């Protein structure tokens, strides 16, 4: 399982009061990602024609053309972007280029305008390596880990602040939020607008070919911090279930705390997941009843009556911060951040803080 490098490179760090973005930033970021996906293309990771493309560090028209089209006839790309490129060598990080469609037509102009307008606010522009503010990007809607209705927006942003305060006194940093988690990996981190994204489940790498694309992308393109926290994920079910859980209907309790089991590849292949149904109702006998439960010990420490733990499928999920391997400045910040995580989680009773927060959440969920 990949790890971030050790403490060989620890950049100078300075701290100032962190900022947490408003919902408008989240909306603009999500709009950019959705505009790119709707047009059939995203950032460099997508490598598809017929949509907007955000120029990244090290890009040339030739390298973009080779990645997207499989040839090096880059003048076609230049001709399609003469309105923003005075010459083939005038690329700037953060420019939005139009990638012609395979049939020679241009991508929808509405998608291009949406992408360019979204990049106008200085808060989400790609940054140069000399800028010292560390910028974190988190995915919301995961209470109590990240939730707008909780103090400090949740448990993990609070841990990030503790890490930066303890390990990086004087470091300027901020935490912004976007609900579209995939936009972190496919667009916003690769384009250099942010340094570190969290929380992600650290996968077992190399990822299987059958793993979700998100998991494969993490293994291929990202480095991981030390775990911010670890969740003990469990399956409960009867003894006579198929060993591989093929075709088994699994209930996800509404008060479950943790990563999405499908997007992160935690659910066995061929299993069916039932969401947002009370556990008692989900397991009630009938044609639509679930026969197993996926949860974590922090939420449900003991199996429901008549079920047992299916230890073959239970596992621990390390929630980490990630940084693009192609961004040396972000990797250096990830290494320094990992040192801080080790310090805070060793010196403070972080497991106790986690238990207390989850207990508070169960009594009064965030709205």
Protein backbone atom coordinates (compact mmCIF):
# COMPACT_ATOMS: atom_id res chain seq x y z
CA UNK A 1 0.00 0.00 0.00
CA UNK A 2 1.70 3.25 -1.11
CA UNK A 3 2.81 5.75 1.47
CA UNK A 4 3.96 9.32 1.20
CA UNK A 5 7.69 9.83 1.53
CA UNK A 6 9.25 10.57 4.89
CA UNK A 7 10.61 13.78 6.32
CA UNK A 8 13.54 14.24 3.95
CA UNK A 9 12.03 17.40 2.48
CA UNK A 10 10.27 19.62 4.98
CA UNK A 11 9.49 23.07 3.57
CA UNK A 12 9.36 26.17 5.72
CA UNK A 13 5.83 26.56 7.04
CA UNK A 14 3.94 29.57 8.37
CA UNK A 15 0.43 29.72 9.78
CA UNK A 16 -2.39 32.25 9.72
CA UNK A 17 -6.08 31.88 10.59
CA UNK A 18 -7.57 29.42 8.08
CA UNK A 19 -10.44 30.26 5.78
CA UNK A 20 -13.26 27.92 4.90
CA UNK A 21 -15.04 28.62 1.65
CA UNK A 22 -18.62 29.67 1.21
CA UNK A 23 -21.12 27.59 -0.69
CA UNK A 24 -20.68 29.80 -3.77
CA UNK A 25 -17.15 28.52 -4.31
CA UNK A 26 -18.39 24.95 -4.00
CA UNK A 27 -21.01 25.67 -6.64
CA UNK A 28 -18.53 27.23 -9.05
CA UNK A 29 -16.11 24.32 -8.69
CA UNK A 30 -18.86 21.78 -9.22
CA UNK A 31 -20.10 23.75 -12.22
CA UNK A 32 -16.68 23.61 -13.82
CA UNK A 33 -16.39 19.87 -13.32
CA UNK A 34 -19.92 19.23 -14.58
CA UNK A 35 -19.43 21.47 -17.61
CA UNK A 36 -16.34 19.54 -18.57
CA UNK A 37 -17.98 16.17 -18.03
CA UNK A 38 -21.15 17.19 -19.88
CA UNK A 39 -19.10 18.10 -22.92
CA UNK A 40 -17.42 14.71 -22.88
CA UNK A 41 -14.04 15.81 -21.56
CA UNK A 42 -12.37 16.79 -18.33
CA UNK A 43 -8.87 17.64 -17.24
CA UNK A 44 -5.71 15.91 -18.30
CA UNK A 45 -6.68 12.68 -16.54
CA UNK A 46 -9.76 12.26 -18.76
CA UNK A 47 -7.77 12.64 -22.01
CA UNK A 48 -10.89 12.92 -24.20
CA UNK A 49 -11.65 15.26 -27.09
CA UNK A 50 -14.65 17.56 -27.60
CA UNK A 51 -14.60 19.74 -24.50
CA UNK A 52 -12.63 22.24 -22.38
CA UNK A 53 -9.10 21.52 -21.19
CA UNK A 54 -7.29 23.37 -18.39
CA UNK A 55 -3.57 23.88 -19.12
CA UNK A 56 -1.33 22.39 -16.42
CA UNK A 57 2.32 22.78 -15.53
CA UNK A 58 4.59 21.20 -18.15
CA UNK A 59 1.94 21.10 -20.89
CA UNK A 60 2.73 21.86 -24.51
CA UNK A 61 0.36 21.78 -27.45
CA UNK A 62 2.25 18.74 -28.71
CA UNK A 63 1.98 16.83 -25.41
CA UNK A 64 -1.73 17.63 -25.10
CA UNK A 65 -2.35 16.52 -28.69
CA UNK A 66 -0.45 13.28 -28.13
CA UNK A 67 -2.42 12.46 -24.95
CA UNK A 68 -5.83 13.34 -26.32
CA UNK A 69 -5.64 12.32 -29.97
CA UNK A 70 -2.73 9.89 -30.12
CA UNK A 71 -0.72 11.90 -32.68
CA UNK A 72 1.47 15.02 -32.64
CA UNK A 73 -0.27 17.24 -35.22
CA UNK A 74 -0.61 20.03 -32.68
CA UNK A 75 -1.24 22.85 -35.19
CA UNK A 76 -4.87 21.70 -35.42
CA UNK A 77 -5.19 22.40 -31.70
CA UNK A 78 -3.47 25.76 -32.14
CA UNK A 79 -5.87 26.78 -34.92
CA UNK A 80 -8.84 25.89 -32.71
CA UNK A 81 -7.56 28.23 -29.99
CA UNK A 82 -6.21 31.26 -31.86
CA UNK A 83 -8.54 33.48 -29.86
CA UNK A 84 -6.53 32.74 -26.69
CA UNK A 85 -3.12 31.68 -28.07
CA UNK A 86 -1.02 34.26 -29.93
CA UNK A 87 1.48 31.50 -30.80
CA UNK A 88 1.83 27.73 -30.29
CA UNK A 89 4.34 28.37 -27.47
CA UNK A 90 2.19 30.84 -25.49
CA UNK A 91 0.52 28.38 -23.11
CA UNK A 92 -0.08 29.58 -19.55
CA UNK A 93 -1.12 27.45 -16.58
CA UNK A 94 -4.87 27.79 -16.06
CA UNK A 95 -5.80 28.70 -19.65
CA UNK A 96 -8.92 26.93 -20.88
CA UNK A 97 -8.44 25.46 -24.36
CA UNK A 98 -11.08 23.94 -26.59
CA UNK A 99 -10.34 20.37 -27.67
CA UNK A 100 -11.85 19.78 -31.13
CA UNK A 101 -14.11 16.76 -31.51
CA UNK A 102 -12.84 13.69 -33.37
CA UNK A 103 -14.95 14.67 -36.41
CA UNK A 104 -13.32 18.11 -36.56
CA UNK A 105 -16.24 20.04 -35.08
CA UNK A 106 -15.83 22.33 -32.07
CA UNK A 107 -17.11 21.53 -28.54
CA UNK A 108 -20.27 23.30 -27.30
CA UNK A 109 -19.48 26.96 -26.68
CA UNK A 110 -21.69 26.97 -23.58
CA UNK A 111 -19.35 24.46 -21.92
CA UNK A 112 -16.32 26.58 -22.87
CA UNK A 113 -17.87 29.76 -21.47
CA UNK A 114 -18.87 28.01 -18.25
CA UNK A 115 -15.33 26.70 -17.75
CA UNK A 116 -13.72 30.09 -18.41
CA UNK A 117 -16.15 31.97 -16.18
CA UNK A 118 -15.57 29.50 -13.38
CA UNK A 119 -11.82 30.05 -13.57
CA UNK A 120 -12.15 33.84 -13.45
CA UNK A 121 -12.40 34.15 -9.62
CA UNK A 122 -8.82 34.44 -8.27
CA UNK A 123 -9.64 32.00 -5.46
CA UNK A 124 -9.54 28.99 -7.79
CA UNK A 125 -6.86 29.96 -10.25
CA UNK A 126 -3.82 27.68 -10.66
CA UNK A 127 -0.99 28.95 -8.49
CA UNK A 128 2.71 29.30 -9.02
CA UNK A 129 5.13 27.19 -6.94
CA UNK A 130 6.37 30.27 -5.05
CA UNK A 131 2.98 30.90 -3.41
CA UNK A 132 3.21 29.66 0.16
CA UNK A 133 -0.42 29.32 1.25
CA UNK A 134 -1.32 25.63 1.57
CA UNK A 135 -4.71 25.02 0.03
CA UNK A 136 -6.81 22.04 1.07
CA UNK A 137 -9.87 20.81 -0.80
CA UNK A 138 -12.43 18.63 0.94
CA UNK A 139 -15.60 16.86 -0.15
CA UNK A 140 -18.67 17.86 1.85
CA UNK A 141 -21.83 15.99 2.68
CA UNK A 142 -20.17 13.30 4.81
CA UNK A 143 -21.28 14.01 8.39
CA UNK A 144 -19.77 14.02 10.91
CA UNK A 145 -16.47 13.77 9.03
CA UNK A 146 -17.19 16.78 6.81
CA UNK A 147 -20.53 18.53 7.30
CA UNK A 148 -21.62 22.13 6.92
CA UNK A 149 -23.96 21.94 9.93
CA UNK A 150 -21.29 20.92 12.45
CA UNK A 151 -18.86 23.25 14.29
CA UNK A 152 -15.79 23.76 12.14
CA UNK A 153 -17.58 21.84 9.35
CA UNK A 154 -16.77 18.48 10.81
CA UNK A 155 -14.25 16.21 12.45
CA UNK A 156 -11.65 16.00 9.67
CA UNK A 157 -11.36 19.75 8.95
CA UNK A 158 -10.84 20.16 12.70
CA UNK A 159 -8.04 17.59 12.63
CA UNK A 160 -6.43 19.37 9.65
CA UNK A 161 -6.46 22.62 11.62
CA UNK A 162 -4.91 20.87 14.65
CA UNK A 163 -2.19 19.36 12.45
CA UNK A 164 -1.31 22.69 10.85
CA UNK A 165 -1.32 24.48 14.21
CA UNK A 166 0.93 21.91 15.88
CA UNK A 167 3.34 21.07 13.08
CA UNK A 168 3.36 24.25 11.01
CA UNK A 169 3.17 27.33 13.26
CA UNK A 170 3.00 30.41 11.06
CA UNK A 171 1.89 28.56 7.90
CA UNK A 172 -0.86 30.22 5.91
CA UNK A 173 -3.55 27.74 4.85
CA UNK A 174 -7.20 27.47 3.93
CA UNK A 175 -9.80 24.74 3.49
CA UNK A 176 -12.30 24.89 0.64
CA UNK A 177 -15.18 22.53 0.03
CA UNK A 178 -16.70 20.99 -3.08
CA UNK A 179 -19.32 18.26 -3.04
CA UNK A 180 -18.25 16.71 -6.34
CA UNK A 181 -15.52 14.40 -5.05
CA UNK A 182 -14.49 13.20 -8.51
CA UNK A 183 -13.74 16.78 -9.53
CA UNK A 184 -10.95 16.76 -6.94
CA UNK A 185 -9.08 13.98 -8.72
CA UNK A 186 -9.98 14.63 -12.35
CA UNK A 187 -9.63 18.41 -12.49
CA UNK A 188 -9.04 20.60 -9.44
CA UNK A 189 -5.95 18.96 -7.90
CA UNK A 190 -4.26 18.18 -11.27
CA UNK A 191 -4.70 21.77 -12.48
CA UNK A 192 -2.78 23.04 -9.44
CA UNK A 193 -5.54 25.15 -7.87
CA UNK A 194 -5.23 23.14 -4.65
CA UNK A 195 -2.42 21.23 -2.96
CA UNK A 196 -4.09 18.49 -0.92
CA UNK A 197 -7.51 16.85 -1.09
CA UNK A 198 -9.26 14.95 1.70
CA UNK A 199 -10.74 12.61 2.86
CA UNK A 200 -10.01 9.66 0.59
CA UNK A 201 -9.87 5.96 1.45
CA UNK A 202 -6.33 4.76 0.90
CA UNK A 203 -6.71 1.88 -1.58
CA UNK A 204 -4.67 -1.27 -1.91
CA UNK A 205 -2.40 -0.54 -4.85
CA UNK A 206 -2.02 -1.46 -7.59
CA UNK A 207 -5.79 -1.39 -7.95
CA UNK A 208 -7.59 -4.30 -9.60
CA UNK A 209 -8.82 -3.73 -13.16
CA UNK A 210 -12.34 -4.24 -11.81
CA UNK A 211 -11.92 -1.44 -9.24
CA UNK A 212 -13.85 1.81 -9.74
CA UNK A 213 -12.07 4.39 -11.89
CA UNK A 214 -11.71 6.66 -8.86
CA UNK A 215 -9.71 3.97 -7.04
CA UNK A 216 -7.51 3.31 -10.08
CA UNK A 217 -6.82 7.03 -10.45
CA UNK A 218 -5.77 7.29 -6.81
CA UNK A 219 -3.27 4.46 -7.24
CA UNK A 220 -1.88 5.76 -10.51
CA UNK A 221 -1.68 9.51 -9.97
CA UNK A 222 -1.68 10.31 -6.23
CA UNK A 223 0.46 10.03 -3.10
CA UNK A 224 -1.12 9.54 0.32
CA UNK A 225 -0.59 11.18 3.69
CA UNK A 226 -0.48 9.41 7.01
CA UNK A 227 -4.05 8.38 7.98
CA UNK A 228 -6.15 11.17 9.44
CA UNK A 229 -8.27 8.45 11.06
CA UNK A 230 -9.15 4.80 10.52
CA UNK A 231 -12.64 3.36 10.35
CA UNK A 232 -13.32 -0.27 11.26
CA UNK A 233 -15.70 -1.37 8.48
CA UNK A 234 -17.70 -4.55 9.06
CA UNK A 235 -20.23 -6.78 7.34
CA UNK A 236 -22.88 -8.54 9.39
CA UNK A 237 -24.93 -11.40 7.97
CA UNK A 238 -26.15 -14.99 8.45
CA UNK A 239 -23.75 -17.90 8.27
CA UNK A 240 -25.21 -19.35 5.07
CA UNK A 241 -24.49 -16.41 2.73
CA UNK A 242 -22.40 -17.04 -0.42
CA UNK A 243 -18.73 -16.63 0.35
CA UNK A 244 -18.32 -13.86 -2.27
CA UNK A 245 -21.68 -12.18 -1.39
CA UNK A 246 -22.67 -12.44 -5.07
CA UNK A 247 -26.27 -11.26 -5.44
CA UNK A 248 -26.65 -10.53 -1.72
CA UNK A 249 -28.86 -7.58 -0.75
CA UNK A 250 -26.93 -5.43 1.74
CA UNK A 251 -28.35 -2.70 3.97
CA UNK A 252 -26.42 0.53 4.60
CA UNK A 253 -27.84 2.04 7.84
CA UNK A 254 -28.89 5.70 7.56
CA UNK A 255 -26.58 6.68 10.43
CA UNK A 256 -23.58 5.00 8.78
CA UNK A 257 -20.42 7.09 9.06
CA UNK A 258 -17.80 6.60 6.38
CA UNK A 259 -16.92 6.54 2.68
CA UNK A 260 -19.34 5.51 -0.03
CA UNK A 261 -18.93 1.72 -0.29
CA UNK A 262 -19.57 1.60 -4.04
CA UNK A 263 -17.42 4.54 -5.20
CA UNK A 264 -14.49 3.39 -3.06
CA UNK A 265 -14.70 -0.27 -4.08
CA UNK A 266 -15.53 -1.52 -0.57
CA UNK A 267 -18.67 -3.39 -1.64
CA UNK A 268 -18.13 -6.92 -3.01
CA UNK A 269 -18.81 -7.23 -6.73
CA UNK A 270 -22.31 -8.38 -7.55
CA UNK A 271 -23.81 -7.29 -4.22
CA UNK A 272 -26.84 -4.98 -4.10
CA UNK A 273 -26.86 -2.00 -1.71
CA UNK A 274 -29.99 -0.61 -0.02
CA UNK A 275 -29.53 2.98 1.22
CA UNK A 276 -31.35 5.34 3.56
CA UNK A 277 -33.68 2.73 5.04
CA UNK A 278 -33.89 2.19 8.79
CA UNK A 279 -32.01 -0.95 9.76
CA UNK A 280 -35.06 -2.66 11.29
CA UNK A 281 -37.11 -1.97 8.15
CA UNK A 282 -34.29 -3.00 5.85
CA UNK A 283 -33.97 -6.41 7.53
CA UNK A 284 -37.70 -7.00 7.96
CA UNK A 285 -38.75 -10.30 6.28
CA UNK A 286 -40.22 -9.86 2.82
CA UNK A 287 -39.35 -9.98 -0.89
CA UNK A 288 -37.22 -6.80 -0.69
CA UNK A 289 -35.51 -7.58 2.61
CA UNK A 290 -31.74 -7.26 2.93
CA UNK A 291 -29.86 -10.23 4.36
CA UNK A 292 -26.62 -8.46 5.35
CA UNK A 293 -25.49 -5.13 6.80
CA UNK A 294 -22.50 -2.96 5.85
CA UNK A 295 -21.45 -0.44 8.50
CA UNK A 296 -18.60 0.29 10.91
CA UNK A 297 -18.06 -0.52 14.56
CA UNK A 298 -18.16 3.18 15.42
CA UNK A 299 -21.80 3.20 14.26
CA UNK A 300 -22.93 -0.35 15.12
CA UNK A 301 -20.57 -2.19 17.45
CA UNK A 302 -22.62 -5.40 17.72
CA UNK A 303 -24.38 -7.35 14.95
CA UNK A 304 -28.19 -7.24 14.80
CA UNK A 305 -29.99 -10.24 16.27
CA UNK A 306 -29.53 -13.37 14.16
CA UNK A 307 -26.48 -12.05 12.27
CA UNK A 308 -22.75 -12.46 12.80
CA UNK A 309 -19.68 -10.65 11.56
CA UNK A 310 -18.53 -11.75 8.10
CA UNK A 311 -14.86 -11.29 8.91
CA UNK A 312 -13.74 -12.23 5.40
CA UNK A 313 -15.17 -8.96 4.08
CA UNK A 314 -14.50 -6.68 7.06
CA UNK A 315 -11.55 -4.30 6.82
CA UNK A 316 -10.04 -1.11 8.13
CA UNK A 317 -10.35 2.00 5.96
CA UNK A 318 -7.62 4.62 6.38
CA UNK A 319 -8.87 8.11 5.52
CA UNK A 320 -6.00 10.14 4.07
CA UNK A 321 -5.15 13.37 2.30
CA UNK A 322 -3.82 13.07 -1.25
CA UNK A 323 -1.58 15.11 -3.55
CA UNK A 324 -0.86 14.68 -7.28
CA UNK A 325 2.42 12.89 -7.91
CA UNK A 326 3.04 15.26 -10.83
CA UNK A 327 3.06 18.34 -8.56
CA UNK A 328 6.38 18.47 -6.63
CA UNK A 329 5.29 21.45 -4.49
CA UNK A 330 2.13 19.63 -3.42
CA UNK A 331 4.10 16.46 -2.64
CA UNK A 332 6.49 18.45 -0.42
CA UNK A 333 3.50 19.90 1.43
CA UNK A 334 2.00 16.43 1.77
CA UNK A 335 5.21 15.15 3.37
CA UNK A 336 5.25 18.00 5.88
CA UNK A 337 1.56 17.46 6.58
CA UNK A 338 2.16 13.75 7.23
CA UNK A 339 4.74 14.67 9.87
CA UNK A 340 2.11 16.80 11.56
CA UNK A 341 -0.47 14.00 11.43
CA UNK A 342 1.95 11.63 13.13
CA UNK A 343 2.68 14.22 15.80
CA UNK A 344 -0.95 15.10 16.56
CA UNK A 345 -2.37 11.58 16.48
CA UNK A 346 0.46 10.38 18.74
CA UNK A 347 0.43 13.18 21.30
CA UNK A 348 -3.34 13.72 21.54
CA UNK A 349 -6.08 11.23 22.39
CA UNK A 350 -7.34 11.31 18.82
CA UNK A 351 -9.27 7.99 19.07
CA UNK A 352 -11.08 9.46 22.08
CA UNK A 353 -11.88 12.64 20.16
CA UNK A 354 -13.24 10.55 17.28
CA UNK A 355 -15.45 8.47 19.59
CA UNK A 356 -16.81 11.58 21.32
CA UNK A 357 -17.57 13.29 18.01
CA UNK A 358 -19.38 10.25 16.61
CA UNK A 359 -21.37 9.95 19.82
CA UNK A 360 -22.39 13.62 19.58
CA UNK A 361 -23.32 13.13 15.94
CA UNK A 362 -25.63 10.22 16.71
CA UNK A 363 -27.44 12.32 19.32
CA UNK A 364 -27.79 15.42 17.13
CA UNK A 365 -26.99 14.99 13.41
CA UNK A 366 -25.84 17.95 11.35
CA UNK A 367 -28.51 19.60 9.24
